[in-house]
Amino acid sequence: MIYRVAKKENYVLLDKAFLNDEQLSWKAKGLLAYMLSLPDDWSFSLADLAIRSKCGREATAKILDEP
């Protein structure tokens, strides 16, 4: 079942091409969607991304190493 909400504010528009990329895991697709939801001038670091999830540093690094 899919629940959709009215989009009034605090939403993201994504080009869904990466969601259909079979080379990426679900984790990589989720991380990329999260990263794309942040402001264009956001500076990414492995340490910051690891803190923001339950995955931890090693798992986050592994996700970032996907093709």
C-alpha atoms as a PDB file:
ATOM      1  CA  MET A   1       0.000   0.000   0.000  1.00  0.00           C
ATOM      2  CA  ILE A   2       1.315   3.449  -0.910  1.00  0.00           C
ATOM      3  CA  TYR A   3       0.341   6.523   1.081  1.00  0.00           C
ATOM      4  CA  ARG A   4       0.746   9.874  -0.609  1.00  0.00           C
ATOM      5  CA  VAL A   5       0.612  13.224   1.148  1.00  0.00           C
ATOM      6  CA  ALA A   6      -0.283  16.678  -0.090  1.00  0.00           C
ATOM      7  CA  LYS A   7       2.930  18.540  -0.918  1.00  0.00           C
ATOM      8  CA  LYS A   8       2.644  22.021   0.529  1.00  0.00           C
ATOM      9  CA  GLU A   9       6.187  22.552   1.800  1.00  0.00           C
ATOM     10  CA  ASN A  10       9.299  20.649   2.822  1.00  0.00           C
ATOM     11  CA  TYR A  11       9.317  18.328  -0.181  1.00  0.00           C
ATOM     12  CA  VAL A  12      11.883  17.351  -2.811  1.00  0.00           C
ATOM     13  CA  LEU A  13      11.649  16.948  -6.576  1.00  0.00           C
ATOM     14  CA  LEU A  14      13.934  14.194  -7.857  1.00  0.00           C
ATOM     15  CA  ASP A  15      14.894  12.960 -11.283  1.00  0.00           C
ATOM     16  CA  LYS A  16      13.930   9.341 -10.725  1.00  0.00           C
ATOM     17  CA  ALA A  17      16.477   7.905 -13.179  1.00  0.00           C
ATOM     18  CA  PHE A  18      18.810   6.865 -10.342  1.00  0.00           C
ATOM     19  CA  LEU A  19      15.920   5.049  -8.637  1.00  0.00           C
ATOM     20  CA  ASN A  20      15.702   2.740 -11.646  1.00  0.00           C
ATOM     21  CA  ASP A  21      19.459   2.088 -11.759  1.00  0.00           C
ATOM     22  CA  GLU A  22      19.827  -1.643 -11.106  1.00  0.00           C
ATOM     23  CA  GLN A  23      23.522  -1.222 -10.215  1.00  0.00           C
ATOM     24  CA  LEU A  24      22.623   0.709  -7.058  1.00  0.00           C
ATOM     25  CA  SER A  25      21.428  -0.947  -3.868  1.00  0.00           C
ATOM     26  CA  TRP A  26      18.351   0.265  -2.028  1.00  0.00           C
ATOM     27  CA  LYS A  27      20.688   1.755   0.577  1.00  0.00           C
ATOM     28  CA  ALA A  28      22.595   3.723  -2.064  1.00  0.00           C
ATOM     29  CA  LYS A  29      19.357   4.982  -3.595  1.00  0.00           C
ATOM     30  CA  GLY A  30      18.140   6.118  -0.188  1.00  0.00           C
ATOM     31  CA  LEU A  31      21.405   7.855   0.643  1.00  0.00           C
ATOM     32  CA  LEU A  32      21.459   9.619  -2.717  1.00  0.00           C
ATOM     33  CA  ALA A  33      17.835  10.732  -2.269  1.00  0.00           C
ATOM     34  CA  TYR A  34      18.754  12.104   1.167  1.00  0.00           C
ATOM     35  CA  MET A  35      21.796  13.918  -0.210  1.00  0.00           C
ATOM     36  CA  LEU A  36      19.738  15.418  -3.046  1.00  0.00           C
ATOM     37  CA  SER A  37      17.210  16.685  -0.501  1.00  0.00           C
ATOM     38  CA  LEU A  38      19.805  18.950   1.126  1.00  0.00           C
ATOM     39  CA  PRO A  39      20.604  22.486  -0.108  1.00  0.00           C
ATOM     40  CA  ASP A  40      22.756  22.782  -3.239  1.00  0.00           C
ATOM     41  CA  ASP A  41      25.607  24.356  -1.282  1.00  0.00           C
ATOM     42  CA  TRP A  42      25.704  21.616   1.383  1.00  0.00           C
ATOM     43  CA  SER A  43      29.202  20.256   2.035  1.00  0.00           C
ATOM     44  CA  PHE A  44      29.208  16.485   2.422  1.00  0.00           C
ATOM     45  CA  SER A  45      31.610  14.469   4.511  1.00  0.00           C
ATOM     46  CA  LEU A  46      31.672  10.799   5.394  1.00  0.00           C
ATOM     47  CA  ALA A  47      31.717  11.619   9.109  1.00  0.00           C
ATOM     48  CA  ASP A  48      28.645  13.862   8.846  1.00  0.00           C
ATOM     49  CA  LEU A  49      26.667  11.343   6.769  1.00  0.00           C
ATOM     50  CA  ALA A  50      27.565   8.529   9.171  1.00  0.00           C
ATOM     51  CA  ILE A  51      26.336  10.559  12.155  1.00  0.00           C
ATOM     52  CA  ARG A  52      23.017  11.233  10.444  1.00  0.00           C
ATOM     53  CA  SER A  53      22.133   7.536  10.038  1.00  0.00           C
ATOM     54  CA  LYS A  54      22.105   4.250  11.892  1.00  0.00           C
ATOM     55  CA  CYS A  55      24.610   2.731   9.470  1.00  0.00           C
ATOM     56  CA  GLY A  56      27.823   4.025  10.959  1.00  0.00           C
ATOM     57  CA  ARG A  57      31.018   5.122   9.240  1.00  0.00           C
ATOM     58  CA  GLU A  58      32.088   1.840   7.601  1.00  0.00           C
ATOM     59  CA  ALA A  59      28.659   1.023   6.186  1.00  0.00           C
ATOM     60  CA  THR A  60      28.218   4.580   4.918  1.00  0.00           C
ATOM     61  CA  ALA A  61      31.633   4.454   3.246  1.00  0.00           C
ATOM     62  CA  LYS A  62      30.659   1.172   1.577  1.00  0.00           C
ATOM     63  CA  ILE A  63      27.449   2.718   0.246  1.00  0.00           C
ATOM     64  CA  LEU A  64      29.369   5.701  -1.125  1.00  0.00           C
ATOM     65  CA  ASP A  65      31.754   3.328  -2.937  1.00  0.00           C
ATOM     66  CA  GLU A  66      28.978   1.841  -5.061  1.00  0.00           C
ATOM     67  CA  PRO A  67      29.213   2.536  -8.813  1.00  0.00           C
END
